[in-house]
Amino acid sequence: MRPIRVYSDEPLAPHREHALSRRASEHVLRVLRLRAGDSLTLFDGRGGEYPARLVRAAKLAAVAQTGDHVAAERESPLAITLLQSMARGEKMDWIVQKATELGVARIVPVAMERSVVRFAGDERADRRLAHWQAVAAAACEQCGRNRLPAIDAPMDLLAALAIAEASADLRLLLSPQGEDSLATVAPSAGVALLVGPEGGFEEREVDAALRHGFRAVRFGPRVLRTETAAVAAITALQVLAGDLRGVATADSD
């Protein structure tokens, strides 16, 4: 049975009783059908995890007792910032989920001219941000990460490019017209990856990215959907210089 991991949005401490959130309580009691005395692992996104045991389980109110803090980390040595043009509905959720599983450090949702999704007002954007953070937390529960990726509120392209310029030495823009192949780049510790919308980049958006030090690279002979491009490129970067480096060779021995 896969270990049961539960994210706590409240800070954890060793050898303490912690009340699980309503969402977490519903998951462990109704979905997983845990009972008092059952074991699980808790983490709060600040690093490491805690072996724990349910001590109370009544309706939708679960309380767990933590053990010693375990300094387990499963982060990639490659800090990838994904600048992702906002995609509609479930596609964006899927991108957030898979990018989290693949170890990205930060996800920046970007509103571009051909983006099919627009947020009218801060309240709606805040709701979407909270939803994406919950998606990322669930992905961390599944994949074993103990640190959640940072997720920004939706922003315009220039703001996103400024973040990338300040945080990543290597900045890549995926484009079928890119002169270089993604396979030829030499990733550094910090990489920013800009993925365009379903309708493609406007020429002035590409020009803005190039002025901010981005390098246009192609990813094979086929044009990929925005959600496919993000996941495929992150995987390739992890194989080239991240925590998937050498995995294929090791598995084939």
Protein backbone atom coordinates (compact mmCIF):
# COMPACT_ATOMS: atom_id res chain seq x y z
CA MET A 1 0.00 0.00 0.00
CA ARG A 2 1.30 3.46 -0.92
CA PRO A 3 2.25 5.52 2.18
CA ILE A 4 -0.50 7.92 3.22
CA ARG A 5 0.79 11.48 3.16
CA VAL A 6 -1.20 14.51 4.28
CA TYR A 7 -0.34 18.17 3.82
CA SER A 8 -0.97 20.51 6.75
CA ASP A 9 -1.48 24.19 6.00
CA GLU A 10 -0.58 24.89 9.63
CA PRO A 11 3.04 24.61 10.88
CA LEU A 12 3.83 21.24 12.43
CA ALA A 13 6.01 20.41 15.41
CA PRO A 14 7.30 17.08 16.77
CA HIS A 15 5.41 15.20 19.47
CA ARG A 16 2.31 17.37 19.26
CA GLU A 17 -1.33 16.79 18.48
CA HIS A 18 -2.43 18.52 15.27
CA ALA A 19 -5.99 18.91 14.06
CA LEU A 20 -6.20 18.21 10.33
CA SER A 21 -8.03 20.61 8.05
CA ARG A 22 -11.56 19.82 6.95
CA ARG A 23 -10.29 18.80 3.49
CA ALA A 24 -7.60 16.54 4.94
CA SER A 25 -9.99 15.08 7.51
CA GLU A 26 -12.56 14.25 4.84
CA HIS A 27 -9.88 12.61 2.70
CA VAL A 28 -8.39 10.40 5.41
CA LEU A 29 -11.70 9.49 7.06
CA ARG A 30 -14.16 9.21 4.18
CA VAL A 31 -11.93 8.36 1.23
CA LEU A 32 -9.10 6.39 2.84
CA ARG A 33 -11.28 5.21 5.75
CA LEU A 34 -8.55 5.56 8.36
CA ARG A 35 -9.41 5.05 11.99
CA ALA A 36 -7.84 6.05 15.30
CA GLY A 37 -4.52 4.26 15.67
CA ASP A 38 -3.74 4.20 11.93
CA SER A 39 -0.41 5.58 10.69
CA LEU A 40 0.21 8.39 8.21
CA THR A 41 2.86 10.98 7.33
CA LEU A 42 2.34 14.73 7.74
CA PHE A 43 4.25 17.58 6.10
CA ASP A 44 3.71 21.34 6.12
CA GLY A 45 5.64 22.42 3.04
CA ARG A 46 8.56 23.88 5.00
CA GLY A 47 10.77 20.84 4.48
CA GLY A 48 10.91 17.39 6.01
CA GLU A 49 8.04 15.27 7.25
CA TYR A 50 6.62 13.72 10.39
CA PRO A 51 5.53 10.14 10.98
CA ALA A 52 2.19 10.40 12.73
CA ARG A 53 -0.73 8.41 14.08
CA LEU A 54 -4.41 9.29 14.21
CA VAL A 55 -5.48 9.72 17.82
CA ARG A 56 -9.02 10.99 17.22
CA ALA A 57 -11.31 10.44 14.24
CA ALA A 58 -14.86 11.71 14.60
CA LYS A 59 -17.00 12.76 11.63
CA LEU A 60 -14.88 15.31 9.77
CA ALA A 61 -12.52 16.16 12.62
CA ALA A 62 -9.30 14.14 12.59
CA VAL A 63 -6.43 14.72 15.03
CA ALA A 64 -2.96 13.23 14.56
CA GLN A 65 -0.01 12.88 16.95
CA THR A 66 3.35 13.58 15.32
CA GLY A 67 6.62 11.81 16.00
CA ASP A 68 10.16 13.03 15.33
CA HIS A 69 10.85 15.35 12.42
CA VAL A 70 12.47 13.50 9.51
CA ALA A 71 14.68 15.70 7.30
CA ALA A 72 13.65 14.02 4.04
CA GLU A 73 13.92 16.13 0.89
CA ARG A 74 12.98 15.15 -2.65
CA GLU A 75 13.69 18.43 -4.45
CA SER A 76 15.47 18.71 -7.76
CA PRO A 77 18.92 20.33 -7.93
CA LEU A 78 17.55 22.23 -10.93
CA ALA A 79 15.38 25.18 -9.88
CA ILE A 80 12.85 25.52 -12.71
CA THR A 81 10.51 28.50 -12.88
CA LEU A 82 7.61 27.74 -15.23
CA LEU A 83 6.10 30.83 -16.87
CA GLN A 84 2.91 29.25 -18.14
CA SER A 85 0.36 31.01 -20.29
CA MET A 86 -3.00 30.44 -18.66
CA ALA A 87 -4.95 27.57 -20.15
CA ARG A 88 -8.60 26.87 -19.74
CA GLY A 89 -10.05 24.91 -16.80
CA GLU A 90 -8.76 21.41 -16.31
CA LYS A 91 -5.76 21.95 -18.60
CA MET A 92 -4.27 24.47 -16.18
CA ASP A 93 -4.95 22.17 -13.23
CA TRP A 94 -3.20 19.36 -15.10
CA ILE A 95 -0.17 21.56 -15.81
CA VAL A 96 0.10 22.59 -12.15
CA GLN A 97 -0.24 18.98 -11.01
CA LYS A 98 2.32 17.52 -13.40
CA ALA A 99 4.79 20.39 -13.02
CA THR A 100 4.67 19.85 -9.26
CA GLU A 101 5.26 16.12 -9.64
CA LEU A 102 8.20 16.82 -11.95
CA GLY A 103 9.82 19.10 -9.38
CA VAL A 104 9.40 22.69 -10.58
CA ALA A 105 10.28 25.30 -7.98
CA ARG A 106 7.86 28.04 -9.08
CA ILE A 107 4.83 28.39 -11.32
CA VAL A 108 3.92 31.80 -12.74
CA PRO A 109 0.55 31.93 -14.56
CA VAL A 110 0.81 34.49 -17.37
CA ALA A 111 -1.95 36.36 -19.21
CA MET A 112 -0.97 36.71 -22.86
CA GLU A 113 -2.73 38.28 -25.82
CA ARG A 114 -3.97 34.96 -27.17
CA SER A 115 -4.73 33.41 -23.80
CA VAL A 116 -8.22 31.94 -23.79
CA VAL A 117 -8.60 32.57 -20.05
CA ARG A 118 -9.04 36.02 -18.51
CA PHE A 119 -9.76 36.89 -14.90
CA ALA A 120 -12.11 39.78 -14.24
CA GLY A 121 -11.22 41.17 -10.83
CA ASP A 122 -8.87 40.27 -8.01
CA GLU A 123 -11.42 38.08 -6.21
CA ARG A 124 -11.68 35.58 -9.04
CA ALA A 125 -7.90 35.51 -9.47
CA ASP A 126 -7.49 34.86 -5.74
CA ARG A 127 -9.91 31.94 -5.93
CA ARG A 128 -8.01 30.41 -8.81
CA LEU A 129 -4.70 30.86 -7.00
CA ALA A 130 -6.07 29.10 -3.91
CA HIS A 131 -7.36 26.30 -6.14
CA TRP A 132 -3.99 25.84 -7.85
CA GLN A 133 -2.23 25.79 -4.48
CA ALA A 134 -4.58 23.01 -3.37
CA VAL A 135 -3.83 21.10 -6.59
CA ALA A 136 -0.10 21.44 -5.92
CA ALA A 137 -0.50 20.31 -2.31
CA ALA A 138 -2.37 17.18 -3.42
CA ALA A 139 0.35 16.49 -5.99
CA CYS A 140 3.00 16.77 -3.26
CA GLU A 141 1.04 14.31 -1.14
CA GLN A 142 1.09 11.84 -4.02
CA CYS A 143 4.66 12.26 -5.28
CA GLY A 144 6.52 12.58 -1.98
CA ARG A 145 7.66 16.20 -2.15
CA ASN A 146 7.84 17.95 1.20
CA ARG A 147 8.11 21.46 -0.24
CA LEU A 148 5.32 22.99 -2.28
CA PRO A 149 6.25 24.95 -5.39
CA ALA A 150 5.63 28.67 -5.14
CA ILE A 151 2.62 29.68 -7.24
CA ASP A 152 2.07 33.32 -8.16
CA ALA A 153 -1.18 35.10 -8.81
CA PRO A 154 -1.88 35.55 -12.54
CA MET A 155 0.12 38.43 -14.02
CA ASP A 156 0.93 40.04 -17.33
CA LEU A 157 3.87 38.99 -19.47
CA LEU A 158 6.21 41.88 -18.63
CA ALA A 159 5.85 41.23 -14.89
CA ALA A 160 6.56 37.53 -15.44
CA LEU A 161 9.60 38.28 -17.59
CA ALA A 162 10.99 40.54 -14.86
CA ILE A 163 10.66 37.69 -12.33
CA ALA A 164 12.53 35.35 -14.66
CA GLU A 165 15.28 37.87 -15.36
CA ALA A 166 15.88 38.33 -11.64
CA SER A 167 15.85 34.65 -10.69
CA ALA A 168 17.15 32.51 -13.57
CA ASP A 169 20.49 32.57 -15.37
CA LEU A 170 19.10 30.51 -18.26
CA ARG A 171 15.83 31.70 -19.78
CA LEU A 172 14.16 29.64 -22.49
CA LEU A 173 11.18 30.36 -24.72
CA LEU A 174 9.65 27.34 -26.45
CA SER A 175 9.08 28.11 -30.11
CA PRO A 176 8.76 25.90 -33.20
CA GLN A 177 10.80 28.58 -34.97
CA GLY A 178 13.63 28.53 -32.42
CA GLU A 179 17.07 28.40 -34.00
CA ASP A 180 18.45 26.06 -31.35
CA SER A 181 17.19 22.74 -30.06
CA LEU A 182 16.35 22.28 -26.39
CA ALA A 183 18.76 19.33 -26.43
CA THR A 184 21.68 21.68 -27.13
CA VAL A 185 21.26 23.95 -24.10
CA ALA A 186 23.38 23.57 -21.00
CA PRO A 187 21.02 24.17 -18.07
CA SER A 188 22.36 26.08 -15.06
CA ALA A 189 21.03 25.78 -11.53
CA GLY A 190 18.25 28.25 -12.27
CA VAL A 191 16.10 27.91 -15.40
CA ALA A 192 13.05 29.89 -16.51
CA LEU A 193 10.81 28.22 -19.08
CA LEU A 194 8.25 30.33 -20.98
CA VAL A 195 5.39 28.36 -22.55
CA GLY A 196 2.97 30.15 -24.86
CA PRO A 197 -0.83 30.04 -25.10
CA GLU A 198 -2.98 27.69 -27.11
CA GLY A 199 -3.07 30.22 -29.93
CA GLY A 200 0.68 30.80 -29.92
CA PHE A 201 2.81 33.85 -29.12
CA GLU A 202 2.28 37.25 -30.68
CA GLU A 203 5.44 38.53 -32.37
CA ARG A 204 5.76 41.41 -29.90
CA GLU A 205 5.59 38.94 -26.99
CA VAL A 206 8.52 37.00 -28.45
CA ASP A 207 10.42 40.28 -28.93
CA ALA A 208 9.79 41.25 -25.29
CA ALA A 209 11.06 37.88 -24.08
CA LEU A 210 14.21 38.16 -26.19
CA ARG A 211 14.88 41.63 -24.75
CA HIS A 212 14.71 40.06 -21.27
CA GLY A 213 17.42 37.57 -22.16
CA PHE A 214 15.29 34.64 -23.26
CA ARG A 215 16.58 32.21 -25.86
CA ALA A 216 14.10 30.75 -28.35
CA VAL A 217 14.45 26.98 -28.58
CA ARG A 218 12.47 24.37 -30.47
CA PHE A 219 11.35 21.07 -29.03
CA GLY A 220 11.38 18.50 -31.78
CA PRO A 221 9.73 18.60 -35.23
CA ARG A 222 6.11 18.70 -34.01
CA VAL A 223 4.03 21.55 -32.59
CA LEU A 224 2.86 20.60 -29.11
CA ARG A 225 -0.19 21.78 -27.20
CA THR A 226 0.57 24.19 -24.38
CA GLU A 227 -0.02 21.58 -21.67
CA THR A 228 2.06 18.98 -23.52
CA ALA A 229 4.91 21.42 -24.16
CA ALA A 230 5.21 22.38 -20.50
CA VAL A 231 5.40 18.83 -19.18
CA ALA A 232 7.64 17.55 -21.97
CA ALA A 233 10.12 20.42 -21.62
CA ILE A 234 10.30 20.14 -17.82
CA THR A 235 10.98 16.41 -18.15
CA ALA A 236 13.70 17.05 -20.73
CA LEU A 237 15.37 19.64 -18.51
CA GLN A 238 15.33 17.24 -15.56
CA VAL A 239 16.92 14.56 -17.75
CA LEU A 240 19.57 16.98 -19.01
CA ALA A 241 20.59 18.48 -15.67
CA GLY A 242 18.10 17.66 -12.91
CA ASP A 243 17.18 14.69 -10.77
CA LEU A 244 16.29 12.51 -13.77
CA ARG A 245 19.81 12.77 -15.12
CA GLY A 246 21.23 9.30 -15.76
CA VAL A 247 17.96 7.56 -14.84
CA ALA A 248 17.52 5.96 -18.27
CA THR A 249 21.09 4.65 -18.26
CA ALA A 250 20.81 3.31 -14.74
CA ASP A 251 17.48 1.59 -15.44
CA SER A 252 18.85 -0.10 -18.57
CA ASP A 253 21.82 -1.73 -16.81
